[in-house]
């Protein structure tokens, strides 16, 4: 099963770029941009972010300690 990627799709990358245990989304950014050039990956601080007003799903990549595998929530 394949999914079409919407035009101008944006994915928020959370995490603290200064903390090794919390910066995985930021380290993946360039690889994700190379693999998915039609998606806009944005590093964002969730503490300074207003929730987006949109009628589409909000996609976030974050890392969490203690989760044994990749999860889709």
C-alpha atoms as a PDB file:
ATOM      1  CA  UNK A   1       0.000   0.000   0.000  1.00  0.00           C
ATOM      2  CA  UNK A   2       1.381   3.408  -0.930  1.00  0.00           C
ATOM      3  CA  UNK A   3       0.230   6.808   0.168  1.00  0.00           C
ATOM      4  CA  UNK A   4       0.317   9.965  -1.914  1.00  0.00           C
ATOM      5  CA  UNK A   5       2.276  12.785  -0.305  1.00  0.00           C
ATOM      6  CA  UNK A   6       0.237  15.999  -0.258  1.00  0.00           C
ATOM      7  CA  UNK A   7       1.711  19.009  -2.034  1.00  0.00           C
ATOM      8  CA  UNK A   8       3.464  21.382   0.386  1.00  0.00           C
ATOM      9  CA  UNK A   9       3.321  18.886   3.246  1.00  0.00           C
ATOM     10  CA  UNK A  10       5.009  20.094   6.424  1.00  0.00           C
ATOM     11  CA  UNK A  11       6.411  17.859   9.168  1.00  0.00           C
ATOM     12  CA  UNK A  12       7.419  19.364  12.510  1.00  0.00           C
ATOM     13  CA  UNK A  13      10.620  18.101  14.113  1.00  0.00           C
ATOM     14  CA  UNK A  14      10.630  18.352  17.912  1.00  0.00           C
ATOM     15  CA  UNK A  15      13.434  17.849  20.391  1.00  0.00           C
ATOM     16  CA  UNK A  16      16.278  19.863  21.831  1.00  0.00           C
ATOM     17  CA  UNK A  17      19.139  20.126  19.299  1.00  0.00           C
ATOM     18  CA  UNK A  18      21.606  20.801  22.142  1.00  0.00           C
ATOM     19  CA  UNK A  19      20.906  17.557  24.038  1.00  0.00           C
ATOM     20  CA  UNK A  20      22.263  14.321  22.511  1.00  0.00           C
ATOM     21  CA  UNK A  21      19.477  12.269  24.116  1.00  0.00           C
ATOM     22  CA  UNK A  22      16.810  14.536  22.586  1.00  0.00           C
ATOM     23  CA  UNK A  23      18.143  15.639  19.195  1.00  0.00           C
ATOM     24  CA  UNK A  24      17.481  12.612  16.969  1.00  0.00           C
ATOM     25  CA  UNK A  25      14.809  14.385  14.848  1.00  0.00           C
ATOM     26  CA  UNK A  26      17.259  17.227  14.167  1.00  0.00           C
ATOM     27  CA  UNK A  27      20.040  14.790  13.224  1.00  0.00           C
ATOM     28  CA  UNK A  28      17.678  13.052  10.784  1.00  0.00           C
ATOM     29  CA  UNK A  29      16.559  16.276   9.073  1.00  0.00           C
ATOM     30  CA  UNK A  30      19.063  16.319   6.191  1.00  0.00           C
ATOM     31  CA  UNK A  31      18.526  12.598   5.497  1.00  0.00           C
ATOM     32  CA  UNK A  32      14.757  13.068   5.478  1.00  0.00           C
ATOM     33  CA  UNK A  33      15.021  16.072   3.148  1.00  0.00           C
ATOM     34  CA  UNK A  34      17.174  14.048   0.735  1.00  0.00           C
ATOM     35  CA  UNK A  35      14.782  11.075   0.838  1.00  0.00           C
ATOM     36  CA  UNK A  36      11.572  13.140   0.668  1.00  0.00           C
ATOM     37  CA  UNK A  37      12.354  16.355  -1.273  1.00  0.00           C
ATOM     38  CA  UNK A  38       8.673  17.293  -1.636  1.00  0.00           C
ATOM     39  CA  UNK A  39       8.148  17.492   2.132  1.00  0.00           C
ATOM     40  CA  UNK A  40       9.083  20.555   4.178  1.00  0.00           C
ATOM     41  CA  UNK A  41      10.761  19.461   7.452  1.00  0.00           C
ATOM     42  CA  UNK A  42      10.707  22.224  10.084  1.00  0.00           C
ATOM     43  CA  UNK A  43      12.654  22.169  13.341  1.00  0.00           C
ATOM     44  CA  UNK A  44      10.310  23.626  15.954  1.00  0.00           C
ATOM     45  CA  UNK A  45      10.354  24.245  19.677  1.00  0.00           C
ATOM     46  CA  UNK A  46       7.105  22.772  21.021  1.00  0.00           C
ATOM     47  CA  UNK A  47       7.298  25.129  24.015  1.00  0.00           C
ATOM     48  CA  UNK A  48       7.126  28.183  21.744  1.00  0.00           C
ATOM     49  CA  UNK A  49       4.687  26.832  19.207  1.00  0.00           C
ATOM     50  CA  UNK A  50       1.046  27.685  18.689  1.00  0.00           C
ATOM     51  CA  UNK A  51      -1.043  24.739  17.575  1.00  0.00           C
ATOM     52  CA  UNK A  52      -1.577  24.933  13.835  1.00  0.00           C
ATOM     53  CA  UNK A  53      -4.982  25.908  12.535  1.00  0.00           C
ATOM     54  CA  UNK A  54      -5.568  23.508   9.691  1.00  0.00           C
ATOM     55  CA  UNK A  55      -8.020  20.951   8.425  1.00  0.00           C
ATOM     56  CA  UNK A  56      -5.255  18.399   7.820  1.00  0.00           C
ATOM     57  CA  UNK A  57      -3.378  16.128  10.196  1.00  0.00           C
ATOM     58  CA  UNK A  58      -0.379  17.574  12.031  1.00  0.00           C
ATOM     59  CA  UNK A  59       2.636  15.339  11.547  1.00  0.00           C
ATOM     60  CA  UNK A  60       5.349  15.480  14.217  1.00  0.00           C
ATOM     61  CA  UNK A  61       8.627  13.590  14.558  1.00  0.00           C
ATOM     62  CA  UNK A  62       9.919  13.446  18.132  1.00  0.00           C
ATOM     63  CA  UNK A  63      11.946  11.110  20.309  1.00  0.00           C
ATOM     64  CA  UNK A  64      10.866   9.769  23.677  1.00  0.00           C
ATOM     65  CA  UNK A  65      12.911   7.831  26.201  1.00  0.00           C
ATOM     66  CA  UNK A  66      11.563   4.415  27.131  1.00  0.00           C
ATOM     67  CA  UNK A  67       9.638   3.552  23.978  1.00  0.00           C
ATOM     68  CA  UNK A  68      11.096   0.268  22.663  1.00  0.00           C
ATOM     69  CA  UNK A  69      10.184   0.786  18.989  1.00  0.00           C
ATOM     70  CA  UNK A  70       9.017   3.379  16.486  1.00  0.00           C
ATOM     71  CA  UNK A  71       5.378   4.236  17.111  1.00  0.00           C
ATOM     72  CA  UNK A  72       2.673   5.962  15.094  1.00  0.00           C
ATOM     73  CA  UNK A  73       0.206   7.729  17.374  1.00  0.00           C
END
